[in-house]
Amino acid sequence: MIELSTLKMVIRGVIFMNMNIISKYLQFLRKSNNYTQDDLAQKLGISRQAVSKWETGTTIPDLEVLLKLSKLYGITINDILEPKIPPHKITNFEQITTISEKDLKKVLEQFDTNSLVTALMGASPETNRFCERLFPDMDLETTRKNIGRIRLETVEDMQNQIISIINLG
């Protein structure tokens, strides 16, 4: 049996890792249902500022609000916390070079340097050079050396987060 404190730590870890995706997904759900932040706030009985904080990744809705959101959108809480975003722009990380540089830069700027370098560790030399051209002021090589060895699952997870954000855009 898992202790409650351990479960909370696991949940926090999952939520922290996916905060960018969750915030963008909440914004996507709101917009695809033609709600303004004010409309959604009224439906949920909360402030517009709370909705804004979710969509910027500052906070995450509490359990009661997640339940209301899931009922409103006809999805599960799990769908909100771990969204399955259907690919409509790209399906794998190597395809980021097919996105306009302006749009890609906007997406990648949402991630810190370590996250970007982690994703690039599993990418081709061409994709690495492409990103180095996008961010000439970032010292990706030094960051790569500082990170050192990393698990393949971690690289794939970061690549999948970037793909999801691109597909939500």
N, C-alpha and C. Protein backbone atom coordinates (compact mmCIF):
# COMPACT_ATOMS: atom_id res chain seq x y z
N MET A 1 0.84 -1.17 0.00
CA MET A 1 0.00 0.00 0.00
C MET A 1 0.90 1.25 0.00
N ILE A 2 0.53 2.26 -0.79
CA ILE A 2 1.29 3.50 -0.88
C ILE A 2 0.78 4.47 0.17
N GLU A 3 1.73 5.07 0.91
CA GLU A 3 1.36 6.08 1.89
C GLU A 3 0.84 7.32 1.19
N LEU A 4 -0.05 8.03 1.85
CA LEU A 4 -0.63 9.24 1.28
C LEU A 4 0.44 10.27 0.96
N SER A 5 1.42 10.45 1.84
CA SER A 5 2.48 11.44 1.59
C SER A 5 3.28 11.08 0.35
N THR A 6 3.54 9.79 0.13
CA THR A 6 4.27 9.34 -1.07
C THR A 6 3.43 9.60 -2.31
N LEU A 7 2.14 9.31 -2.22
CA LEU A 7 1.25 9.54 -3.35
C LEU A 7 1.19 11.02 -3.71
N LYS A 8 1.14 11.88 -2.69
CA LYS A 8 1.12 13.32 -2.95
C LYS A 8 2.39 13.76 -3.65
N MET A 9 3.54 13.21 -3.25
CA MET A 9 4.81 13.56 -3.89
C MET A 9 4.81 13.11 -5.35
N VAL A 10 4.29 11.91 -5.62
CA VAL A 10 4.22 11.41 -6.99
C VAL A 10 3.31 12.30 -7.82
N ILE A 11 2.15 12.64 -7.28
CA ILE A 11 1.21 13.50 -8.00
C ILE A 11 1.84 14.86 -8.26
N ARG A 12 2.50 15.45 -7.26
CA ARG A 12 3.16 16.75 -7.47
C ARG A 12 4.21 16.64 -8.56
N GLY A 13 4.96 15.55 -8.60
CA GLY A 13 5.98 15.36 -9.63
C GLY A 13 5.38 15.30 -11.01
N VAL A 14 4.28 14.55 -11.16
CA VAL A 14 3.61 14.46 -12.45
C VAL A 14 3.06 15.82 -12.86
N ILE A 15 2.43 16.50 -11.94
CA ILE A 15 1.85 17.81 -12.25
C ILE A 15 2.95 18.80 -12.58
N PHE A 16 4.04 18.79 -11.82
CA PHE A 16 5.13 19.72 -12.10
C PHE A 16 5.71 19.46 -13.48
N MET A 17 5.91 18.19 -13.83
CA MET A 17 6.51 17.86 -15.12
C MET A 17 5.60 18.29 -16.28
N ASN A 18 4.31 18.27 -16.07
CA ASN A 18 3.38 18.55 -17.15
C ASN A 18 2.70 19.91 -17.02
N MET A 19 3.21 20.79 -16.19
CA MET A 19 2.54 22.07 -15.93
C MET A 19 2.36 22.88 -17.20
N ASN A 20 3.39 22.92 -18.07
CA ASN A 20 3.25 23.65 -19.33
C ASN A 20 2.11 23.08 -20.16
N ILE A 21 2.05 21.78 -20.24
CA ILE A 21 1.02 21.14 -21.05
C ILE A 21 -0.36 21.36 -20.43
N ILE A 22 -0.45 21.19 -19.12
CA ILE A 22 -1.75 21.37 -18.45
C ILE A 22 -2.25 22.80 -18.65
N SER A 23 -1.38 23.78 -18.47
CA SER A 23 -1.82 25.17 -18.61
C SER A 23 -2.27 25.47 -20.04
N LYS A 24 -1.51 24.99 -21.01
CA LYS A 24 -1.89 25.22 -22.42
C LYS A 24 -3.17 24.45 -22.76
N TYR A 25 -3.32 23.26 -22.19
CA TYR A 25 -4.50 22.45 -22.46
C TYR A 25 -5.75 23.10 -21.86
N LEU A 26 -5.63 23.65 -20.66
CA LEU A 26 -6.77 24.34 -20.06
C LEU A 26 -7.18 25.54 -20.91
N GLN A 27 -6.21 26.26 -21.43
CA GLN A 27 -6.50 27.38 -22.32
C GLN A 27 -7.15 26.88 -23.61
N PHE A 28 -6.62 25.79 -24.16
CA PHE A 28 -7.17 25.19 -25.38
C PHE A 28 -8.63 24.78 -25.16
N LEU A 29 -8.92 24.12 -24.04
CA LEU A 29 -10.29 23.68 -23.75
C LEU A 29 -11.23 24.88 -23.66
N ARG A 30 -10.78 25.91 -22.94
CA ARG A 30 -11.63 27.10 -22.78
C ARG A 30 -11.93 27.73 -24.13
N LYS A 31 -10.90 27.94 -24.93
CA LYS A 31 -11.08 28.60 -26.22
C LYS A 31 -11.88 27.74 -27.20
N SER A 32 -11.65 26.43 -27.18
CA SER A 32 -12.39 25.57 -28.11
C SER A 32 -13.87 25.46 -27.73
N ASN A 33 -14.21 25.84 -26.51
CA ASN A 33 -15.61 25.89 -26.09
C ASN A 33 -16.16 27.31 -26.12
N ASN A 34 -15.39 28.21 -26.74
CA ASN A 34 -15.79 29.61 -26.94
C ASN A 34 -16.12 30.34 -25.64
N TYR A 35 -15.33 30.06 -24.59
CA TYR A 35 -15.48 30.77 -23.34
C TYR A 35 -14.38 31.81 -23.22
N THR A 36 -14.71 32.96 -22.69
CA THR A 36 -13.68 33.91 -22.27
C THR A 36 -13.25 33.46 -20.87
N GLN A 37 -12.19 34.05 -20.36
CA GLN A 37 -11.79 33.73 -18.99
C GLN A 37 -12.90 34.13 -18.02
N ASP A 38 -13.56 35.25 -18.30
CA ASP A 38 -14.68 35.69 -17.44
C ASP A 38 -15.83 34.69 -17.48
N ASP A 39 -16.18 34.21 -18.70
CA ASP A 39 -17.27 33.24 -18.83
C ASP A 39 -16.99 31.99 -18.00
N LEU A 40 -15.78 31.46 -18.16
CA LEU A 40 -15.42 30.23 -17.45
C LEU A 40 -15.42 30.46 -15.94
N ALA A 41 -14.88 31.58 -15.52
CA ALA A 41 -14.84 31.89 -14.09
C ALA A 41 -16.26 31.93 -13.51
N GLN A 42 -17.18 32.55 -14.23
CA GLN A 42 -18.57 32.62 -13.76
C GLN A 42 -19.18 31.23 -13.65
N LYS A 43 -18.96 30.39 -14.66
CA LYS A 43 -19.52 29.04 -14.65
C LYS A 43 -18.99 28.22 -13.48
N LEU A 44 -17.74 28.49 -13.10
CA LEU A 44 -17.11 27.71 -12.03
C LEU A 44 -17.24 28.38 -10.66
N GLY A 45 -17.73 29.62 -10.64
CA GLY A 45 -17.88 30.33 -9.37
C GLY A 45 -16.54 30.74 -8.76
N ILE A 46 -15.62 31.14 -9.63
CA ILE A 46 -14.29 31.56 -9.18
C ILE A 46 -13.93 32.89 -9.85
N SER A 47 -12.74 33.40 -9.58
CA SER A 47 -12.35 34.67 -10.20
C SER A 47 -11.69 34.45 -11.56
N ARG A 48 -11.73 35.46 -12.39
CA ARG A 48 -11.06 35.41 -13.69
C ARG A 48 -9.56 35.27 -13.49
N GLN A 49 -9.04 35.87 -12.43
CA GLN A 49 -7.62 35.79 -12.13
C GLN A 49 -7.18 34.35 -11.88
N ALA A 50 -8.05 33.56 -11.26
CA ALA A 50 -7.72 32.15 -11.02
C ALA A 50 -7.55 31.42 -12.35
N VAL A 51 -8.46 31.68 -13.28
CA VAL A 51 -8.37 31.06 -14.61
C VAL A 51 -7.08 31.49 -15.29
N SER A 52 -6.76 32.76 -15.20
CA SER A 52 -5.53 33.28 -15.79
C SER A 52 -4.30 32.60 -15.21
N LYS A 53 -4.30 32.38 -13.90
CA LYS A 53 -3.15 31.74 -13.24
C LYS A 53 -2.97 30.30 -13.72
N TRP A 54 -4.07 29.59 -13.98
CA TRP A 54 -3.94 28.23 -14.51
C TRP A 54 -3.32 28.26 -15.90
N GLU A 55 -3.81 29.20 -16.70
CA GLU A 55 -3.40 29.24 -18.10
C GLU A 55 -1.97 29.75 -18.28
N THR A 56 -1.43 30.40 -17.28
CA THR A 56 -0.03 30.83 -17.35
C THR A 56 0.88 29.86 -16.61
N GLY A 57 0.29 28.83 -16.00
CA GLY A 57 1.09 27.83 -15.30
C GLY A 57 1.54 28.26 -13.92
N THR A 58 0.94 29.32 -13.39
CA THR A 58 1.30 29.79 -12.06
C THR A 58 0.73 28.87 -10.99
N THR A 59 -0.51 28.43 -11.20
CA THR A 59 -1.17 27.50 -10.27
C THR A 59 -1.90 26.45 -11.08
N ILE A 60 -2.46 25.51 -10.38
CA ILE A 60 -3.29 24.47 -11.00
C ILE A 60 -4.61 24.44 -10.23
N PRO A 61 -5.71 24.15 -10.91
CA PRO A 61 -6.99 24.12 -10.21
C PRO A 61 -6.99 23.09 -9.08
N ASP A 62 -7.71 23.40 -8.00
CA ASP A 62 -7.81 22.41 -6.92
C ASP A 62 -8.77 21.30 -7.36
N LEU A 63 -8.85 20.27 -6.56
CA LEU A 63 -9.60 19.07 -6.93
C LEU A 63 -11.07 19.36 -7.21
N GLU A 64 -11.69 20.21 -6.38
CA GLU A 64 -13.10 20.55 -6.58
C GLU A 64 -13.33 21.23 -7.93
N VAL A 65 -12.43 22.14 -8.29
CA VAL A 65 -12.55 22.85 -9.57
C VAL A 65 -12.22 21.91 -10.73
N LEU A 66 -11.25 21.02 -10.54
CA LEU A 66 -10.94 20.03 -11.59
C LEU A 66 -12.17 19.18 -11.89
N LEU A 67 -12.91 18.82 -10.84
CA LEU A 67 -14.13 18.03 -11.03
C LEU A 67 -15.17 18.83 -11.82
N LYS A 68 -15.33 20.11 -11.49
CA LYS A 68 -16.27 20.97 -12.22
C LYS A 68 -15.83 21.11 -13.69
N LEU A 69 -14.53 21.29 -13.91
CA LEU A 69 -14.01 21.42 -15.28
C LEU A 69 -14.26 20.14 -16.07
N SER A 70 -14.03 19.01 -15.43
CA SER A 70 -14.21 17.74 -16.14
C SER A 70 -15.67 17.54 -16.54
N LYS A 71 -16.58 17.92 -15.67
CA LYS A 71 -18.01 17.82 -16.00
C LYS A 71 -18.40 18.81 -17.09
N LEU A 72 -17.86 20.02 -17.00
CA LEU A 72 -18.17 21.05 -17.98
C LEU A 72 -17.72 20.65 -19.38
N TYR A 73 -16.51 20.09 -19.47
CA TYR A 73 -15.94 19.73 -20.77
C TYR A 73 -16.23 18.29 -21.20
N GLY A 74 -16.85 17.50 -20.30
CA GLY A 74 -17.17 16.12 -20.64
C GLY A 74 -15.94 15.23 -20.76
N ILE A 75 -14.94 15.47 -19.91
CA ILE A 75 -13.73 14.66 -19.88
C ILE A 75 -13.41 14.30 -18.44
N THR A 76 -12.44 13.44 -18.24
CA THR A 76 -12.07 13.06 -16.89
C THR A 76 -11.02 14.02 -16.33
N ILE A 77 -10.87 14.00 -15.02
CA ILE A 77 -9.81 14.79 -14.38
C ILE A 77 -8.46 14.32 -14.92
N ASN A 78 -8.31 13.02 -15.10
CA ASN A 78 -7.07 12.49 -15.63
C ASN A 78 -6.78 13.04 -17.03
N ASP A 79 -7.83 13.23 -17.83
CA ASP A 79 -7.64 13.82 -19.17
C ASP A 79 -7.08 15.24 -19.07
N ILE A 80 -7.45 15.94 -18.01
CA ILE A 80 -6.95 17.31 -17.82
C ILE A 80 -5.49 17.28 -17.35
N LEU A 81 -5.18 16.40 -16.41
CA LEU A 81 -3.84 16.36 -15.84
C LEU A 81 -2.81 15.68 -16.74
N GLU A 82 -3.27 14.78 -17.59
CA GLU A 82 -2.40 14.10 -18.54
C GLU A 82 -3.09 14.08 -19.90
N PRO A 83 -3.19 15.23 -20.52
CA PRO A 83 -3.95 15.32 -21.77
C PRO A 83 -3.33 14.50 -22.90
N LYS A 84 -4.20 13.86 -23.65
CA LYS A 84 -3.79 13.15 -24.86
C LYS A 84 -4.10 14.10 -26.02
N ILE A 85 -3.09 14.77 -26.50
CA ILE A 85 -3.28 15.79 -27.52
C ILE A 85 -3.06 15.16 -28.89
N PRO A 86 -4.10 15.10 -29.69
CA PRO A 86 -3.94 14.48 -31.01
C PRO A 86 -3.01 15.32 -31.89
N PRO A 87 -2.08 14.65 -32.57
CA PRO A 87 -1.16 15.40 -33.42
C PRO A 87 -1.88 15.96 -34.64
N HIS A 88 -1.76 17.24 -34.86
CA HIS A 88 -2.31 17.82 -36.08
C HIS A 88 -1.25 18.66 -36.80
N LYS A 89 -0.11 18.85 -36.12
CA LYS A 89 0.98 19.58 -36.76
C LYS A 89 2.19 18.67 -36.94
N ILE A 90 2.62 18.04 -35.83
CA ILE A 90 3.76 17.13 -35.91
C ILE A 90 3.49 15.90 -35.06
N THR A 91 4.17 14.81 -35.39
CA THR A 91 4.00 13.57 -34.63
C THR A 91 5.30 13.13 -33.95
N ASN A 92 6.44 13.67 -34.38
CA ASN A 92 7.68 13.34 -33.69
C ASN A 92 8.58 14.57 -33.62
N PHE A 93 9.54 14.52 -32.71
CA PHE A 93 10.37 15.68 -32.41
C PHE A 93 11.17 16.16 -33.61
N GLU A 94 11.61 15.26 -34.45
CA GLU A 94 12.40 15.66 -35.62
C GLU A 94 11.63 16.59 -36.55
N GLN A 95 10.32 16.57 -36.47
CA GLN A 95 9.50 17.41 -37.33
C GLN A 95 9.43 18.87 -36.87
N ILE A 96 10.08 19.20 -35.76
CA ILE A 96 10.03 20.60 -35.31
C ILE A 96 10.64 21.53 -36.35
N THR A 97 11.51 21.01 -37.19
CA THR A 97 12.14 21.85 -38.22
C THR A 97 11.15 22.22 -39.32
N THR A 98 9.97 21.60 -39.32
CA THR A 98 8.96 21.94 -40.33
C THR A 98 8.04 23.07 -39.87
N ILE A 99 8.16 23.44 -38.60
CA ILE A 99 7.35 24.54 -38.03
C ILE A 99 8.05 25.85 -38.38
N SER A 100 7.27 26.88 -38.60
CA SER A 100 7.90 28.17 -38.89
C SER A 100 8.80 28.56 -37.73
N GLU A 101 9.94 29.16 -38.05
CA GLU A 101 10.91 29.51 -37.01
C GLU A 101 10.29 30.42 -35.95
N LYS A 102 9.46 31.35 -36.38
CA LYS A 102 8.82 32.28 -35.45
C LYS A 102 7.93 31.53 -34.46
N ASP A 103 7.09 30.62 -35.00
CA ASP A 103 6.18 29.85 -34.14
C ASP A 103 6.95 28.90 -33.23
N LEU A 104 7.97 28.25 -33.78
CA LEU A 104 8.75 27.31 -32.98
C LEU A 104 9.48 28.02 -31.86
N LYS A 105 10.05 29.16 -32.17
CA LYS A 105 10.79 29.91 -31.15
C LYS A 105 9.85 30.31 -30.01
N LYS A 106 8.64 30.71 -30.36
CA LYS A 106 7.64 31.09 -29.36
C LYS A 106 7.32 29.90 -28.43
N VAL A 107 7.22 28.71 -29.01
CA VAL A 107 6.95 27.51 -28.20
C VAL A 107 8.15 27.17 -27.33
N LEU A 108 9.32 27.13 -27.95
CA LEU A 108 10.51 26.70 -27.22
C LEU A 108 10.92 27.68 -26.13
N GLU A 109 10.56 28.94 -26.26
CA GLU A 109 10.88 29.93 -25.23
C GLU A 109 10.11 29.67 -23.93
N GLN A 110 9.08 28.84 -24.00
CA GLN A 110 8.32 28.48 -22.80
C GLN A 110 9.09 27.50 -21.92
N PHE A 111 10.14 26.90 -22.48
CA PHE A 111 10.93 25.90 -21.76
C PHE A 111 12.27 26.50 -21.36
N ASP A 112 12.80 26.07 -20.21
CA ASP A 112 14.12 26.55 -19.82
C ASP A 112 15.19 25.86 -20.67
N THR A 113 16.41 26.36 -20.57
CA THR A 113 17.52 25.85 -21.39
C THR A 113 17.76 24.37 -21.13
N ASN A 114 17.72 23.95 -19.86
CA ASN A 114 17.94 22.53 -19.53
C ASN A 114 16.90 21.64 -20.19
N SER A 115 15.65 22.07 -20.21
CA SER A 115 14.59 21.27 -20.83
C SER A 115 14.80 21.15 -22.33
N LEU A 116 15.14 22.26 -22.96
CA LEU A 116 15.39 22.25 -24.40
C LEU A 116 16.57 21.35 -24.73
N VAL A 117 17.66 21.49 -23.98
CA VAL A 117 18.84 20.67 -24.24
C VAL A 117 18.53 19.20 -23.99
N THR A 118 17.75 18.90 -22.97
CA THR A 118 17.36 17.51 -22.70
C THR A 118 16.63 16.93 -23.91
N ALA A 119 15.69 17.67 -24.47
CA ALA A 119 14.96 17.21 -25.66
C ALA A 119 15.90 17.02 -26.84
N LEU A 120 16.84 17.94 -26.99
CA LEU A 120 17.76 17.87 -28.12
C LEU A 120 18.76 16.73 -28.01
N MET A 121 18.95 16.18 -26.82
CA MET A 121 19.87 15.06 -26.64
C MET A 121 19.43 13.84 -27.45
N GLY A 122 18.17 13.76 -27.74
CA GLY A 122 17.67 12.63 -28.53
C GLY A 122 17.39 13.00 -29.97
N ALA A 123 17.83 14.16 -30.41
CA ALA A 123 17.54 14.65 -31.76
C ALA A 123 18.74 14.50 -32.68
N SER A 124 18.47 14.58 -33.94
CA SER A 124 19.52 14.47 -34.95
C SER A 124 20.43 15.70 -34.91
N PRO A 125 21.63 15.58 -35.48
CA PRO A 125 22.53 16.75 -35.55
C PRO A 125 21.88 17.91 -36.32
N GLU A 126 21.07 17.61 -37.33
CA GLU A 126 20.41 18.68 -38.10
C GLU A 126 19.43 19.45 -37.22
N THR A 127 18.65 18.74 -36.42
CA THR A 127 17.69 19.40 -35.53
C THR A 127 18.43 20.21 -34.47
N ASN A 128 19.53 19.69 -33.95
CA ASN A 128 20.34 20.43 -32.99
C ASN A 128 20.87 21.72 -33.61
N ARG A 129 21.39 21.63 -34.83
CA ARG A 129 21.92 22.83 -35.49
C ARG A 129 20.81 23.84 -35.75
N PHE A 130 19.63 23.35 -36.13
CA PHE A 130 18.48 24.21 -36.37
C PHE A 130 18.15 25.01 -35.10
N CYS A 131 18.11 24.33 -33.95
CA CYS A 131 17.79 25.00 -32.69
C CYS A 131 18.92 25.93 -32.25
N GLU A 132 20.14 25.57 -32.54
CA GLU A 132 21.27 26.46 -32.22
C GLU A 132 21.17 27.75 -33.02
N ARG A 133 20.68 27.67 -34.25
CA ARG A 133 20.47 28.88 -35.05
C ARG A 133 19.32 29.72 -34.49
N LEU A 134 18.29 29.05 -33.98
CA LEU A 134 17.15 29.77 -33.39
C LEU A 134 17.55 30.53 -32.13
N PHE A 135 18.46 29.96 -31.37
CA PHE A 135 18.87 30.54 -30.09
C PHE A 135 20.38 30.73 -30.05
N PRO A 136 20.90 31.66 -30.83
CA PRO A 136 22.36 31.85 -30.87
C PRO A 136 22.95 32.33 -29.55
N ASP A 137 22.15 32.93 -28.69
CA ASP A 137 22.65 33.44 -27.41
C ASP A 137 22.71 32.37 -26.32
N MET A 138 22.09 31.22 -26.57
CA MET A 138 22.11 30.13 -25.59
C MET A 138 23.35 29.28 -25.81
N ASP A 139 24.01 28.94 -24.73
CA ASP A 139 25.16 28.06 -24.82
C ASP A 139 24.68 26.62 -24.59
N LEU A 140 24.14 26.04 -25.66
CA LEU A 140 23.56 24.70 -25.56
C LEU A 140 24.62 23.65 -25.26
N GLU A 141 25.80 23.80 -25.80
CA GLU A 141 26.87 22.82 -25.60
C GLU A 141 27.29 22.75 -24.13
N THR A 142 27.48 23.90 -23.51
CA THR A 142 27.86 23.92 -22.09
C THR A 142 26.74 23.32 -21.24
N THR A 143 25.51 23.66 -21.55
CA THR A 143 24.38 23.10 -20.82
C THR A 143 24.36 21.59 -20.97
N ARG A 144 24.60 21.10 -22.19
CA ARG A 144 24.63 19.67 -22.46
C ARG A 144 25.70 18.99 -21.59
N LYS A 145 26.86 19.59 -21.49
CA LYS A 145 27.94 19.03 -20.66
C LYS A 145 27.56 19.05 -19.19
N ASN A 146 26.92 20.12 -18.74
CA ASN A 146 26.52 20.23 -17.34
C ASN A 146 25.46 19.20 -16.97
N ILE A 147 24.58 18.89 -17.90
CA ILE A 147 23.54 17.89 -17.64
C ILE A 147 24.16 16.50 -17.55
N GLY A 148 25.09 16.23 -18.43
CA GLY A 148 25.73 14.91 -18.43
C GLY A 148 24.82 13.83 -18.96
N ARG A 149 24.93 12.67 -18.38
CA ARG A 149 24.11 11.53 -18.83
C ARG A 149 22.69 11.69 -18.32
N ILE A 150 21.76 11.19 -19.12
CA ILE A 150 20.35 11.33 -18.76
C ILE A 150 19.59 10.12 -19.30
N ARG A 151 18.55 9.77 -18.63
CA ARG A 151 17.76 8.59 -19.04
C ARG A 151 16.99 8.89 -20.32
N LEU A 152 16.90 7.90 -21.17
CA LEU A 152 16.19 8.02 -22.44
C LEU A 152 14.74 8.42 -22.21
N GLU A 153 14.12 7.89 -21.16
CA GLU A 153 12.73 8.22 -20.86
C GLU A 153 12.56 9.71 -20.57
N THR A 154 13.56 10.30 -19.93
CA THR A 154 13.51 11.73 -19.62
C THR A 154 13.59 12.55 -20.91
N VAL A 155 14.45 12.14 -21.82
CA VAL A 155 14.57 12.81 -23.12
C VAL A 155 13.25 12.70 -23.88
N GLU A 156 12.71 11.50 -23.95
CA GLU A 156 11.45 11.29 -24.67
C GLU A 156 10.30 12.07 -24.05
N ASP A 157 10.25 12.13 -22.72
CA ASP A 157 9.20 12.88 -22.04
C ASP A 157 9.27 14.36 -22.41
N MET A 158 10.47 14.92 -22.41
CA MET A 158 10.62 16.34 -22.74
C MET A 158 10.26 16.58 -24.21
N GLN A 159 10.69 15.68 -25.08
CA GLN A 159 10.32 15.82 -26.50
C GLN A 159 8.80 15.77 -26.66
N ASN A 160 8.15 14.87 -25.95
CA ASN A 160 6.69 14.75 -26.03
C ASN A 160 5.99 15.99 -25.49
N GLN A 161 6.55 16.61 -24.44
CA GLN A 161 5.96 17.85 -23.92
C GLN A 161 6.04 18.95 -24.98
N ILE A 162 7.17 19.05 -25.64
CA ILE A 162 7.34 20.09 -26.68
C ILE A 162 6.40 19.81 -27.84
N ILE A 163 6.28 18.55 -28.25
CA ILE A 163 5.36 18.19 -29.34
C ILE A 163 3.93 18.55 -28.97
N SER A 164 3.55 18.26 -27.72
CA SER A 164 2.18 18.59 -27.28
C SER A 164 1.90 20.07 -27.32
N ILE A 165 2.85 20.88 -26.86
CA ILE A 165 2.65 22.33 -26.87
C ILE A 165 2.54 22.83 -28.32
N ILE A 166 3.36 22.30 -29.21
CA ILE A 166 3.28 22.67 -30.63
C ILE A 166 1.91 22.32 -31.18
N ASN A 167 1.42 21.13 -30.87
CA ASN A 167 0.13 20.67 -31.40
C ASN A 167 -1.06 21.41 -30.78
N LEU A 168 -0.87 21.97 -29.60
CA LEU A 168 -1.95 22.77 -28.99
C LEU A 168 -2.03 24.17 -29.60
N GLY A 169 -0.91 24.63 -30.16
CA GLY A 169 -0.85 26.00 -30.67
C GLY A 169 -1.67 26.28 -31.87
